Amino acid sequence: MDDDPEGLICVGAITGAFGVRGEARVKSFCAEPEAIAAYSPLVTRDGRSLTLKITRAVAGGFAVRLGGVATREQAEALRGVQLFAPREKLPALPDDEFYHADLIGLAVVDTGGRVLGVVQAIHNHGAGDLLEVTGPGLKGGVLLPFTRATVPTVDLASGRLIADPPAGIFPEEQA
C-alpha cells in the first residue's frame, strides 16, 4: 500500500481467529514465511505493538499467539489487520529484488519515454508478480507482469521503472 507507515514494511496480515483459545491465523508475506516471527514485535497501522509466536503451520499461513490476545473474540476482532516490521530488521535484498512497498508509487514509463501510469499495487495469483498500473486513460488499471523482460529497469532513486509491455495491454497514445 502506498500509505504504509514511514520506515515500516508490511510482512503479514491477520486473517482471523484459529481455534477457541485466542490463537490467530496469520498470512506471512515474507520470502521465507516463517521469518515473520523473527521480526516480532510487529506493529499495526494504528501503532499497536504485537508480539507474535508461531504455534504451528496451518492452511494459508500460521497459527500464532499474539501478545495481549487471550480469547477467540479478541483474535477475530483483529481480522484484516496488517502487520509491519521496521525496514532495518529486514534482510538487505540483491540488486534485482525489491520490497513491494518500494515499487508502489513509482512512475511507469515505456522504453520510448511515454508515461504509462503509476504502480498502485502488486498482486500475485501464483504465476508471478503483477504490477497494477493506474493513470489517466486506464480504466480500472492495467496488470503488467513484473519480469525482467517487461520491466527491464527499476530506478528507485529517480522514482520510476521502465517498462516494455506486451503489445495491446496499454491503450495507444491519443493523436
C-alpha atoms as a PDB file:
ATOM      1  CA  MET A   1       0.000   0.000   0.000  1.00  0.00           C
ATOM      2  CA  ASP A   2       1.169   3.494  -0.660  1.00  0.00           C
ATOM      3  CA  ASP A   3       0.120   4.660   2.808  1.00  0.00           C
ATOM      4  CA  ASP A   4       2.273   2.224   4.790  1.00  0.00           C
ATOM      5  CA  PRO A   5       3.660   3.763   7.972  1.00  0.00           C
ATOM      6  CA  GLU A   6       7.028   5.501   7.495  1.00  0.00           C
ATOM      7  CA  GLY A   7      10.020   3.141   7.759  1.00  0.00           C
ATOM      8  CA  LEU A   8       7.836   0.036   8.056  1.00  0.00           C
ATOM      9  CA  ILE A   9       7.271  -2.828   5.627  1.00  0.00           C
ATOM     10  CA  CYS A  10       4.108  -4.948   5.675  1.00  0.00           C
ATOM     11  CA  VAL A  11       5.230  -8.516   6.443  1.00  0.00           C
ATOM     12  CA  GLY A  12       1.868 -10.174   7.009  1.00  0.00           C
ATOM     13  CA  ALA A  13      -1.784  -9.911   7.921  1.00  0.00           C
ATOM     14  CA  ILE A  14      -4.104 -11.439  10.482  1.00  0.00           C
ATOM     15  CA  THR A  15      -6.720 -13.477   8.634  1.00  0.00           C
ATOM     16  CA  GLY A  16      -8.885 -14.397  11.621  1.00  0.00           C
ATOM     17  CA  ALA A  17      -9.098 -16.471  14.755  1.00  0.00           C
ATOM     18  CA  PHE A  18      -7.769 -20.017  14.966  1.00  0.00           C
ATOM     19  CA  GLY A  19      -9.356 -22.402  17.424  1.00  0.00           C
ATOM     20  CA  VAL A  20     -11.057 -21.352  20.653  1.00  0.00           C
ATOM     21  CA  ARG A  21      -8.092 -20.400  22.857  1.00  0.00           C
ATOM     22  CA  GLY A  22      -7.155 -16.994  21.478  1.00  0.00           C
ATOM     23  CA  GLU A  23      -4.809 -18.011  18.690  1.00  0.00           C
ATOM     24  CA  ALA A  24      -4.936 -16.089  15.421  1.00  0.00           C
ATOM     25  CA  ARG A  25      -4.292 -17.167  11.853  1.00  0.00           C
ATOM     26  CA  VAL A  26      -1.625 -15.091  10.105  1.00  0.00           C
ATOM     27  CA  LYS A  27      -0.627 -14.988   6.452  1.00  0.00           C
ATOM     28  CA  SER A  28       3.062 -14.149   6.035  1.00  0.00           C
ATOM     29  CA  PHE A  29       4.246 -12.040   3.102  1.00  0.00           C
ATOM     30  CA  CYS A  30       7.917 -12.888   3.762  1.00  0.00           C
ATOM     31  CA  ALA A  31      10.001 -14.765   1.176  1.00  0.00           C
ATOM     32  CA  GLU A  32      10.611 -17.353   3.905  1.00  0.00           C
ATOM     33  CA  PRO A  33       7.137 -17.343   5.502  1.00  0.00           C
ATOM     34  CA  GLU A  34       8.272 -18.439   8.981  1.00  0.00           C
ATOM     35  CA  ALA A  35      10.683 -15.466   9.125  1.00  0.00           C
ATOM     36  CA  ILE A  36       7.750 -13.285  10.201  1.00  0.00           C
ATOM     37  CA  ALA A  37       8.308 -14.477  13.788  1.00  0.00           C
ATOM     38  CA  ALA A  38      11.896 -13.180  13.753  1.00  0.00           C
ATOM     39  CA  TYR A  39      10.624  -9.621  13.250  1.00  0.00           C
ATOM     40  CA  SER A  40       8.444  -9.694  16.376  1.00  0.00           C
ATOM     41  CA  PRO A  41       7.258  -7.483  17.927  1.00  0.00           C
ATOM     42  CA  LEU A  42       5.316  -6.311  14.895  1.00  0.00           C
ATOM     43  CA  VAL A  43       3.442  -3.036  14.568  1.00  0.00           C
ATOM     44  CA  THR A  44      -0.092  -2.402  13.299  1.00  0.00           C
ATOM     45  CA  ARG A  45      -1.069   0.548  11.119  1.00  0.00           C
ATOM     46  CA  ASP A  46      -2.529   2.291  14.192  1.00  0.00           C
ATOM     47  CA  GLY A  47       0.765   1.904  16.082  1.00  0.00           C
ATOM     48  CA  ARG A  48      -0.029  -1.084  18.321  1.00  0.00           C
ATOM     49  CA  SER A  49       2.887  -3.388  19.049  1.00  0.00           C
ATOM     50  CA  LEU A  50       2.121  -7.121  18.953  1.00  0.00           C
ATOM     51  CA  THR A  51       4.488  -9.921  19.878  1.00  0.00           C
ATOM     52  CA  LEU A  52       3.980 -12.940  17.650  1.00  0.00           C
ATOM     53  CA  LYS A  53       4.889 -16.560  18.329  1.00  0.00           C
ATOM     54  CA  ILE A  54       4.158 -19.222  15.725  1.00  0.00           C
ATOM     55  CA  THR A  55       2.496 -22.263  17.259  1.00  0.00           C
ATOM     56  CA  ARG A  56       2.083 -24.321  14.054  1.00  0.00           C
ATOM     57  CA  ALA A  57       1.679 -24.155  10.299  1.00  0.00           C
ATOM     58  CA  VAL A  58      -1.925 -24.218   9.093  1.00  0.00           C
ATOM     59  CA  ALA A  59      -3.623 -23.910   5.709  1.00  0.00           C
ATOM     60  CA  GLY A  60      -2.999 -20.413   4.388  1.00  0.00           C
ATOM     61  CA  GLY A  61      -0.325 -19.474   6.930  1.00  0.00           C
ATOM     62  CA  PHE A  62       0.382 -19.987  10.597  1.00  0.00           C
ATOM     63  CA  ALA A  63      -1.500 -20.269  13.853  1.00  0.00           C
ATOM     64  CA  VAL A  64       0.092 -17.760  16.217  1.00  0.00           C
ATOM     65  CA  ARG A  65      -0.100 -16.423  19.726  1.00  0.00           C
ATOM     66  CA  LEU A  66      -0.269 -12.643  19.829  1.00  0.00           C
ATOM     67  CA  GLY A  67       0.711 -10.724  22.949  1.00  0.00           C
ATOM     68  CA  GLY A  68      -2.355  -9.393  24.747  1.00  0.00           C
ATOM     69  CA  VAL A  69      -4.784 -11.626  22.825  1.00  0.00           C
ATOM     70  CA  ALA A  70      -6.355 -14.267  25.062  1.00  0.00           C
ATOM     71  CA  THR A  71      -9.764 -15.073  23.544  1.00  0.00           C
ATOM     72  CA  ARG A  72     -11.141 -16.155  20.189  1.00  0.00           C
ATOM     73  CA  GLU A  73     -13.202 -12.947  20.097  1.00  0.00           C
ATOM     74  CA  GLN A  74     -10.101 -10.778  20.544  1.00  0.00           C
ATOM     75  CA  ALA A  75      -8.305 -12.686  17.796  1.00  0.00           C
ATOM     76  CA  GLU A  76     -11.295 -12.448  15.458  1.00  0.00           C
ATOM     77  CA  ALA A  77     -11.519  -8.684  16.075  1.00  0.00           C
ATOM     78  CA  LEU A  78      -8.033  -8.383  14.540  1.00  0.00           C
ATOM     79  CA  ARG A  79      -9.090  -9.955  11.214  1.00  0.00           C
ATOM     80  CA  GLY A  80      -7.656  -7.916   8.341  1.00  0.00           C
ATOM     81  CA  VAL A  81      -5.060  -6.096  10.453  1.00  0.00           C
ATOM     82  CA  GLN A  82      -1.770  -5.715   8.614  1.00  0.00           C
ATOM     83  CA  LEU A  83       1.478  -6.421  10.468  1.00  0.00           C
ATOM     84  CA  PHE A  84       4.564  -4.276   9.870  1.00  0.00           C
ATOM     85  CA  ALA A  85       8.253  -4.652  10.703  1.00  0.00           C
ATOM     86  CA  PRO A  86      10.875  -1.917  10.744  1.00  0.00           C
ATOM     87  CA  ARG A  87      12.791  -1.889   7.459  1.00  0.00           C
ATOM     88  CA  GLU A  88      16.124  -2.162   9.309  1.00  0.00           C
ATOM     89  CA  LYS A  89      15.090  -5.562  10.746  1.00  0.00           C
ATOM     90  CA  LEU A  90      14.540  -6.995   7.265  1.00  0.00           C
ATOM     91  CA  PRO A  91      17.328  -8.550   5.214  1.00  0.00           C
ATOM     92  CA  ALA A  92      19.039  -6.499   2.515  1.00  0.00           C
ATOM     93  CA  LEU A  93      17.923  -7.595  -0.934  1.00  0.00           C
ATOM     94  CA  PRO A  94      20.025  -8.354  -4.010  1.00  0.00           C
ATOM     95  CA  ASP A  95      20.117  -5.592  -6.632  1.00  0.00           C
ATOM     96  CA  ASP A  96      17.416  -7.245  -8.750  1.00  0.00           C
ATOM     97  CA  GLU A  97      14.887  -7.769  -5.923  1.00  0.00           C
ATOM     98  CA  PHE A  98      12.610  -5.204  -4.329  1.00  0.00           C
ATOM     99  CA  TYR A  99      10.217  -4.865  -1.446  1.00  0.00           C
ATOM    100  CA  HIS A 100       6.703  -4.289  -2.767  1.00  0.00           C
ATOM    101  CA  ALA A 101       6.474  -1.126  -0.659  1.00  0.00           C
ATOM    102  CA  ASP A 102       9.361   0.342  -2.677  1.00  0.00           C
ATOM    103  CA  LEU A 103       7.626  -0.265  -6.018  1.00  0.00           C
ATOM    104  CA  ILE A 104       4.241   1.209  -5.123  1.00  0.00           C
ATOM    105  CA  GLY A 105       4.032   4.805  -6.269  1.00  0.00           C
ATOM    106  CA  LEU A 106       6.757   4.533  -8.919  1.00  0.00           C
ATOM    107  CA  ALA A 107       6.048   6.125 -12.286  1.00  0.00           C
ATOM    108  CA  VAL A 108       5.818   3.614 -15.142  1.00  0.00           C
ATOM    109  CA  VAL A 109       7.469   4.840 -18.351  1.00  0.00           C
ATOM    110  CA  ASP A 110       7.756   2.908 -21.602  1.00  0.00           C
ATOM    111  CA  THR A 111      11.043   2.467 -23.439  1.00  0.00           C
ATOM    112  CA  GLY A 112      10.182   5.483 -25.620  1.00  0.00           C
ATOM    113  CA  GLY A 113       9.754   7.753 -22.592  1.00  0.00           C
ATOM    114  CA  ARG A 114       5.934   7.895 -22.584  1.00  0.00           C
ATOM    115  CA  VAL A 115       4.454   7.902 -19.085  1.00  0.00           C
ATOM    116  CA  LEU A 116       2.048   4.964 -18.811  1.00  0.00           C
ATOM    117  CA  GLY A 117       0.897   5.456 -15.226  1.00  0.00           C
ATOM    118  CA  VAL A 118       1.864   4.741 -11.625  1.00  0.00           C
ATOM    119  CA  VAL A 119       2.275   1.444  -9.749  1.00  0.00           C
ATOM    120  CA  GLN A 120      -0.794   1.280  -7.497  1.00  0.00           C
ATOM    121  CA  ALA A 121      -0.428  -2.260  -6.103  1.00  0.00           C
ATOM    122  CA  ILE A 122       1.317  -5.573  -6.594  1.00  0.00           C
ATOM    123  CA  HIS A 123      -0.634  -8.803  -6.986  1.00  0.00           C
ATOM    124  CA  ASN A 124       0.477 -12.401  -7.145  1.00  0.00           C
ATOM    125  CA  HIS A 125      -2.022 -15.070  -8.120  1.00  0.00           C
ATOM    126  CA  GLY A 126       0.557 -17.837  -8.300  1.00  0.00           C
ATOM    127  CA  ALA A 127       2.250 -17.213 -11.634  1.00  0.00           C
ATOM    128  CA  GLY A 128       4.459 -14.310 -10.556  1.00  0.00           C
ATOM    129  CA  ASP A 129       4.082 -10.695  -9.517  1.00  0.00           C
ATOM    130  CA  LEU A 130       1.815  -8.361 -11.458  1.00  0.00           C
ATOM    131  CA  LEU A 131       2.102  -4.592 -11.152  1.00  0.00           C
ATOM    132  CA  GLU A 132      -1.261  -2.828 -11.117  1.00  0.00           C
ATOM    133  CA  VAL A 133      -0.690   0.355 -13.093  1.00  0.00           C
ATOM    134  CA  THR A 134      -3.220   3.179 -12.865  1.00  0.00           C
ATOM    135  CA  GLY A 135      -3.371   6.561 -14.530  1.00  0.00           C
ATOM    136  CA  PRO A 136      -5.256   8.764 -16.957  1.00  0.00           C
ATOM    137  CA  GLY A 137      -6.934   6.755 -19.694  1.00  0.00           C
ATOM    138  CA  LEU A 138      -6.524   3.442 -17.825  1.00  0.00           C
ATOM    139  CA  LYS A 139      -9.964   2.213 -16.844  1.00  0.00           C
ATOM    140  CA  GLY A 140      -9.602   0.075 -13.718  1.00  0.00           C
ATOM    141  CA  GLY A 141      -5.851  -0.231 -14.120  1.00  0.00           C
ATOM    142  CA  VAL A 142      -3.608  -2.490 -16.167  1.00  0.00           C
ATOM    143  CA  LEU A 143      -1.824  -5.577 -14.838  1.00  0.00           C
ATOM    144  CA  LEU A 144       1.777  -5.589 -16.022  1.00  0.00           C
ATOM    145  CA  PRO A 145       3.838  -8.762 -15.490  1.00  0.00           C
ATOM    146  CA  PHE A 146       6.809  -7.919 -13.267  1.00  0.00           C
ATOM    147  CA  THR A 147       9.505  -9.781 -15.161  1.00  0.00           C
ATOM    148  CA  ARG A 148      12.898  -8.682 -16.423  1.00  0.00           C
ATOM    149  CA  ALA A 149      11.512  -8.806 -19.990  1.00  0.00           C
ATOM    150  CA  THR A 150       8.573  -6.460 -19.329  1.00  0.00           C
ATOM    151  CA  VAL A 151      10.289  -4.290 -16.685  1.00  0.00           C
ATOM    152  CA  PRO A 152      13.964  -4.183 -17.636  1.00  0.00           C
ATOM    153  CA  THR A 153      14.804  -1.219 -15.366  1.00  0.00           C
ATOM    154  CA  VAL A 154      13.728  -0.228 -11.862  1.00  0.00           C
ATOM    155  CA  ASP A 155      15.241   3.054 -10.725  1.00  0.00           C
ATOM    156  CA  LEU A 156      14.203   3.680  -7.133  1.00  0.00           C
ATOM    157  CA  ALA A 157      16.387   6.807  -6.899  1.00  0.00           C
ATOM    158  CA  SER A 158      14.505   8.517  -9.745  1.00  0.00           C
ATOM    159  CA  GLY A 159      11.119   7.102  -8.691  1.00  0.00           C
ATOM    160  CA  ARG A 160      10.377   5.266 -11.911  1.00  0.00           C
ATOM    161  CA  LEU A 161      10.553   1.996 -13.726  1.00  0.00           C
ATOM    162  CA  ILE A 162      10.927   1.442 -17.431  1.00  0.00           C
ATOM    163  CA  ALA A 163       8.500  -0.997 -18.981  1.00  0.00           C
ATOM    164  CA  ASP A 164       8.469  -2.803 -22.301  1.00  0.00           C
ATOM    165  CA  PRO A 165       4.873  -4.054 -22.099  1.00  0.00           C
ATOM    166  CA  PRO A 166       3.362  -6.655 -24.378  1.00  0.00           C
ATOM    167  CA  ALA A 167       1.544  -5.079 -27.327  1.00  0.00           C
ATOM    168  CA  GLY A 168      -2.022  -4.061 -26.624  1.00  0.00           C
ATOM    169  CA  ILE A 169      -2.133  -4.026 -22.824  1.00  0.00           C
ATOM    170  CA  PHE A 170      -1.846  -0.228 -22.633  1.00  0.00           C
ATOM    171  CA  PRO A 171      -4.059   1.975 -24.810  1.00  0.00           C
ATOM    172  CA  GLU A 172      -2.275   3.661 -27.688  1.00  0.00           C
ATOM    173  CA  GLU A 173      -1.481   7.331 -27.246  1.00  0.00           C
ATOM    174  CA  GLN A 174      -4.316   9.532 -28.477  1.00  0.00           C
ATOM    175  CA  ALA A 175      -3.359  11.609 -31.517  1.00  0.00           C
END
